[in-house]
Amino acid sequence: MQQLISGRRLYSQAEDGQRVYLDDNERLAAREKVESLITENCVL
């Protein structure tokens, strides 16, 4: 989660081994998904 907040560039790896970097909108969507999963599954 910290990586999603920090602004560091995140990437996935394509089938050919190249890095595919997330743009700002993709990073925001990933952050929202993780926050939702935490809310649904973790007891604070």
C-alpha atoms as a PDB file:
ATOM      1  CA  MET A   1       0.000   0.000   0.000  1.00  0.00           C
ATOM      2  CA  GLN A   2       2.817   2.381   0.843  1.00  0.00           C
ATOM      3  CA  GLN A   3       4.191   2.067  -2.696  1.00  0.00           C
ATOM      4  CA  LEU A   4       0.835   3.132  -4.109  1.00  0.00           C
ATOM      5  CA  ILE A   5       0.795   6.225  -1.901  1.00  0.00           C
ATOM      6  CA  SER A   6       4.459   7.186  -2.230  1.00  0.00           C
ATOM      7  CA  GLY A   7       4.261   8.167  -5.881  1.00  0.00           C
ATOM      8  CA  ARG A   8       6.977   5.715  -6.874  1.00  0.00           C
ATOM      9  CA  ARG A   9       6.602   4.362 -10.376  1.00  0.00           C
ATOM     10  CA  LEU A  10       4.903   0.980 -10.350  1.00  0.00           C
ATOM     11  CA  TYR A  11       5.046  -1.541 -13.141  1.00  0.00           C
ATOM     12  CA  SER A  12       3.996  -4.973 -14.207  1.00  0.00           C
ATOM     13  CA  GLN A  13       6.008  -7.264 -16.400  1.00  0.00           C
ATOM     14  CA  ALA A  14       4.811  -7.994 -19.935  1.00  0.00           C
ATOM     15  CA  GLU A  15       5.068 -11.433 -21.492  1.00  0.00           C
ATOM     16  CA  ASP A  16       8.211 -10.353 -23.351  1.00  0.00           C
ATOM     17  CA  GLY A  17       9.872  -9.347 -20.062  1.00  0.00           C
ATOM     18  CA  GLN A  18       9.545  -5.603 -20.596  1.00  0.00           C
ATOM     19  CA  ARG A  19       8.305  -3.383 -17.789  1.00  0.00           C
ATOM     20  CA  VAL A  20       4.910  -1.786 -18.337  1.00  0.00           C
ATOM     21  CA  TYR A  21       4.585   1.250 -16.062  1.00  0.00           C
ATOM     22  CA  LEU A  22       1.268   2.277 -14.543  1.00  0.00           C
ATOM     23  CA  ASP A  23       0.131   5.779 -15.382  1.00  0.00           C
ATOM     24  CA  ASP A  24      -1.405   8.056 -12.743  1.00  0.00           C
ATOM     25  CA  ASN A  25      -4.955   6.839 -13.397  1.00  0.00           C
ATOM     26  CA  GLU A  26      -3.943   3.179 -13.221  1.00  0.00           C
ATOM     27  CA  ARG A  27      -2.025   3.774  -9.992  1.00  0.00           C
ATOM     28  CA  LEU A  28      -5.035   5.556  -8.484  1.00  0.00           C
ATOM     29  CA  ALA A  29      -7.313   2.666  -9.498  1.00  0.00           C
ATOM     30  CA  ALA A  30      -4.897   0.160  -7.957  1.00  0.00           C
ATOM     31  CA  ARG A  31      -4.777   2.187  -4.738  1.00  0.00           C
ATOM     32  CA  GLU A  32      -8.565   2.344  -4.533  1.00  0.00           C
ATOM     33  CA  LYS A  33      -8.801  -1.409  -5.119  1.00  0.00           C
ATOM     34  CA  VAL A  34      -6.286  -2.155  -2.360  1.00  0.00           C
ATOM     35  CA  GLU A  35      -8.024   0.227   0.056  1.00  0.00           C
ATOM     36  CA  SER A  36     -11.345  -1.489  -0.690  1.00  0.00           C
ATOM     37  CA  LEU A  37      -9.865  -4.951  -0.123  1.00  0.00           C
ATOM     38  CA  ILE A  38      -8.320  -3.825   3.165  1.00  0.00           C
ATOM     39  CA  THR A  39     -11.624  -2.378   4.333  1.00  0.00           C
ATOM     40  CA  GLU A  40     -13.511  -5.544   3.405  1.00  0.00           C
ATOM     41  CA  ASN A  41     -11.046  -8.082   4.780  1.00  0.00           C
ATOM     42  CA  CYS A  42      -9.035  -6.598   7.629  1.00  0.00           C
ATOM     43  CA  VAL A  43     -10.080  -5.996  11.186  1.00  0.00           C
ATOM     44  CA  LEU A  44      -8.457  -2.840  12.474  1.00  0.00           C
END
